[in-house]
Protein backbone atom coordinates (compact mmCIF):
# COMPACT_ATOMS: atom_id res chain seq x y z
CA UNK A 1 1.18 133.69 243.07
CA UNK A 2 1.47 131.76 240.12
CA UNK A 3 1.58 127.94 240.10
CA UNK A 4 3.67 126.19 237.57
CA UNK A 5 1.98 123.18 235.97
CA UNK A 6 2.68 120.06 234.19
CA UNK A 7 0.60 118.39 231.43
CA UNK A 8 0.68 114.71 232.42
CA UNK A 9 2.15 112.44 229.98
CA UNK A 10 0.62 109.48 228.44
CA UNK A 11 2.30 106.60 229.86
CA UNK A 12 -0.21 103.95 228.58
CA UNK A 13 1.59 102.08 226.13
CA UNK A 14 5.01 102.47 227.12
CA UNK A 15 7.62 100.00 228.48
CA UNK A 16 7.43 100.80 232.68
CA UNK A 17 11.72 99.84 232.20
CA UNK A 18 11.91 103.21 229.54
CA UNK A 19 9.83 105.50 232.39
CA UNK A 20 12.44 104.74 235.15
CA UNK A 21 15.30 105.18 232.99
CA UNK A 22 14.41 108.39 231.85
CA UNK A 23 17.28 109.21 229.46
CA UNK A 24 15.51 112.98 228.74
CA UNK A 25 14.35 113.53 232.62
CA UNK A 26 10.93 114.31 231.05
CA UNK A 27 9.24 112.48 234.12
CA UNK A 28 11.33 113.88 236.83
CA UNK A 29 8.56 116.28 237.68
CA UNK A 30 6.23 113.47 238.22
CA UNK A 31 6.16 110.91 241.53
CA UNK A 32 5.82 107.78 239.68
CA UNK A 33 4.61 104.52 241.25
CA UNK A 34 3.31 101.30 240.34
CA UNK A 35 -0.12 100.63 242.23
CA UNK A 36 -0.52 97.24 240.53
CA UNK A 37 0.44 94.91 237.77
CA UNK A 38 -1.98 92.50 236.10
CA UNK A 39 -2.94 90.16 233.11
CA UNK A 40 -3.65 92.14 229.52
CA UNK A 41 -4.34 90.75 226.60
CA UNK A 42 -4.01 94.38 224.88
CA UNK A 43 -0.38 95.07 226.61
CA UNK A 44 2.62 93.51 226.40
CA UNK A 45 4.31 92.18 229.44
CA UNK A 46 6.58 95.13 231.46
CA UNK A 47 3.85 97.88 229.13
CA UNK A 48 2.18 100.64 231.21
CA UNK A 49 -1.59 99.48 230.76
CA UNK A 50 -3.25 102.69 232.70
CA UNK A 51 -2.74 105.49 234.68
CA UNK A 52 -4.06 107.31 237.78
CA UNK A 53 -4.72 110.79 236.21
CA UNK A 54 -5.36 111.15 232.62
CA UNK A 55 -3.07 112.17 230.09
CA UNK A 56 -2.87 115.98 229.42
CA UNK A 57 -4.05 117.33 232.73
CA UNK A 58 -2.22 120.07 234.40
CA UNK A 59 -0.90 119.38 237.62
CA UNK A 60 1.69 120.70 240.16
CA UNK A 61 5.21 119.40 240.52
CA UNK A 62 5.95 116.25 241.99
CA UNK A 63 2.24 115.07 241.80
CA UNK A 64 2.00 111.54 242.34
CA UNK A 65 0.96 109.47 239.34
CA UNK A 66 -0.08 105.56 239.78
CA UNK A 67 0.80 103.17 237.10
CA UNK A 68 -0.76 99.82 236.41
CA UNK A 69 1.93 97.57 234.40
CA UNK A 70 0.96 94.43 232.17
CA UNK A 71 2.06 90.55 233.30
CA UNK A 72 1.30 90.14 229.47
CA UNK A 73 -1.36 87.86 228.33
CA UNK A 74 -2.64 85.28 231.20
CA UNK A 75 -2.34 82.43 229.16
CA UNK A 76 -0.05 81.72 225.95
CA UNK A 77 0.10 78.73 223.59
CA UNK A 78 2.86 76.05 224.65
CA UNK A 79 5.54 76.24 222.79
CA UNK A 80 7.62 72.56 221.15
CA UNK A 81 11.11 72.42 222.93
CA UNK A 82 11.15 68.91 222.32
CA UNK A 83 14.71 68.47 221.10
CA UNK A 84 16.12 70.96 222.30
CA UNK A 85 18.80 71.67 225.33
CA UNK A 86 18.05 72.20 228.41
CA UNK A 87 19.37 76.19 228.19
CA UNK A 88 17.55 76.43 224.91
CA UNK A 89 14.04 75.26 226.54
CA UNK A 90 14.89 77.39 229.30
CA UNK A 91 14.90 80.61 227.69
CA UNK A 92 12.00 79.55 225.44
CA UNK A 93 9.72 79.30 228.59
CA UNK A 94 11.11 82.15 230.23
CA UNK A 95 10.76 84.34 226.58
CA UNK A 96 6.93 83.42 226.36
CA UNK A 97 6.21 84.49 230.09
CA UNK A 98 6.43 81.49 232.01
CA UNK A 99 7.60 81.86 235.61
CA UNK A 100 11.37 80.31 236.32
CA UNK A 101 9.98 78.84 239.60
CA UNK A 102 7.25 77.02 237.85
CA UNK A 103 9.69 75.10 235.29
CA UNK A 104 10.67 71.45 236.74
CA UNK A 105 13.62 69.78 235.09
CA UNK A 106 13.02 65.84 235.35
CA UNK A 107 15.98 63.63 234.43
CA UNK A 108 15.06 60.47 232.37
CA UNK A 109 17.21 58.16 230.10
CA UNK A 110 16.74 57.34 226.45
CA UNK A 111 19.24 55.43 224.83
CA UNK A 112 17.98 56.24 221.57
CA UNK A 113 18.17 59.92 222.10
CA UNK A 114 21.28 62.38 222.22
CA UNK A 115 22.22 63.19 225.99
CA UNK A 116 21.42 66.71 227.30
CA UNK A 117 18.08 67.30 225.16
CA UNK A 118 14.58 67.65 225.97
CA UNK A 119 12.65 64.30 225.66
CA UNK A 120 8.94 65.08 226.40
CA UNK A 121 7.38 68.35 227.94
CA UNK A 122 4.00 68.57 229.94
CA UNK A 123 1.73 70.57 228.91
CA UNK A 124 2.39 69.29 225.49
CA UNK A 125 3.14 71.76 222.72
CA UNK A 126 0.16 73.87 221.05
CA UNK A 127 -1.95 73.61 224.51
CA UNK A 128 -3.18 77.08 225.65
CA UNK A 129 -1.38 77.29 229.28
CA UNK A 130 -1.53 79.71 232.01
CA UNK A 131 1.60 81.31 232.28
CA UNK A 132 1.66 80.58 236.20
CA UNK A 133 1.50 76.65 235.01
CA UNK A 134 4.01 73.88 236.25
CA UNK A 135 5.85 73.13 233.25
CA UNK A 136 7.81 69.65 233.55
CA UNK A 137 10.33 68.83 230.84
CA UNK A 138 12.04 65.88 231.00
CA UNK A 139 15.87 66.11 230.17
CA UNK A 140 17.73 63.05 228.71
CA UNK A 141 20.43 62.60 231.13
CA UNK A 142 24.00 61.72 230.17
CA UNK A 143 25.08 58.09 231.83
CA UNK A 144 28.75 58.59 232.09
CA UNK A 145 30.67 54.91 232.76
CA UNK A 146 34.05 54.71 234.35
CA UNK A 147 35.57 51.68 233.24
CA UNK A 148 39.18 50.51 233.76
CA UNK A 149 40.32 47.23 231.83
CA UNK A 150 43.32 45.54 232.68
CA UNK A 151 44.11 44.04 229.31
CA UNK A 152 46.09 40.67 228.89
CA UNK A 153 45.61 39.33 225.22
CA UNK A 154 45.37 40.96 221.72
CA UNK A 155 42.08 39.28 221.52
CA UNK A 156 41.17 41.78 224.54
CA UNK A 157 41.84 44.78 222.67
CA UNK A 158 40.01 44.16 219.56
CA UNK A 159 36.98 43.40 222.02
CA UNK A 160 37.60 47.01 222.64
CA UNK A 161 35.79 48.46 219.53
CA UNK A 162 32.39 47.01 220.70
CA UNK A 163 32.51 48.91 223.47
CA UNK A 164 33.05 52.18 221.57
CA UNK A 165 30.27 51.51 219.29
CA UNK A 166 27.77 52.24 222.48
CA UNK A 167 25.85 54.92 223.04
CA UNK A 168 26.76 55.43 226.39
CA UNK A 169 29.84 57.85 227.18
CA UNK A 170 33.21 56.04 228.69
CA UNK A 171 36.32 56.81 230.09
CA UNK A 172 38.66 53.92 229.39
CA UNK A 173 41.96 53.55 231.18
CA UNK A 174 44.23 50.89 229.75
CA UNK A 175 46.78 48.96 231.14
CA UNK A 176 48.75 47.18 228.65
CA UNK A 177 51.76 44.76 229.30
CA UNK A 178 54.80 45.73 227.46
CA UNK A 179 54.67 42.23 226.00
CA UNK A 180 51.69 43.17 223.94
CA UNK A 181 53.18 46.07 222.44
CA UNK A 182 54.72 45.51 219.05
């Protein structure tokens, strides 16, 4: 009786998602599982860094092959997100490999900075940081004041311009007596 064998492919260096998608059905002959995930300075995140059977080994149909998938490097250089919006900062940190659940946003207020932008970050830009580290991002909180003004004189109307010059967001509701309207 002749047993049909298949050569084990070289999975090392391939993206695991591409193996799962297997557009050409070339991996359906094997029972592929992930045995582990580990940090690797050599292989980018999501890339296979080792396999249980050596490439080229002849095996029977549905032979199990276990893979180790890279988590990427264990540490990276902290990018600068100062001045970015919260969404831009989050996207950049996730692209670097930091874990979503370890990124903390803290509301602070600085009247000299634009609302909604990163004021400070810990760790500082350029530091070598473990990707499992807690990252603290201070965001300039926008202060919104709702002001109702009852105007009784022309002088009061002129004083409104001083409020508009402030660096705060205001919602102003005017009640102007008809006698003051020209």
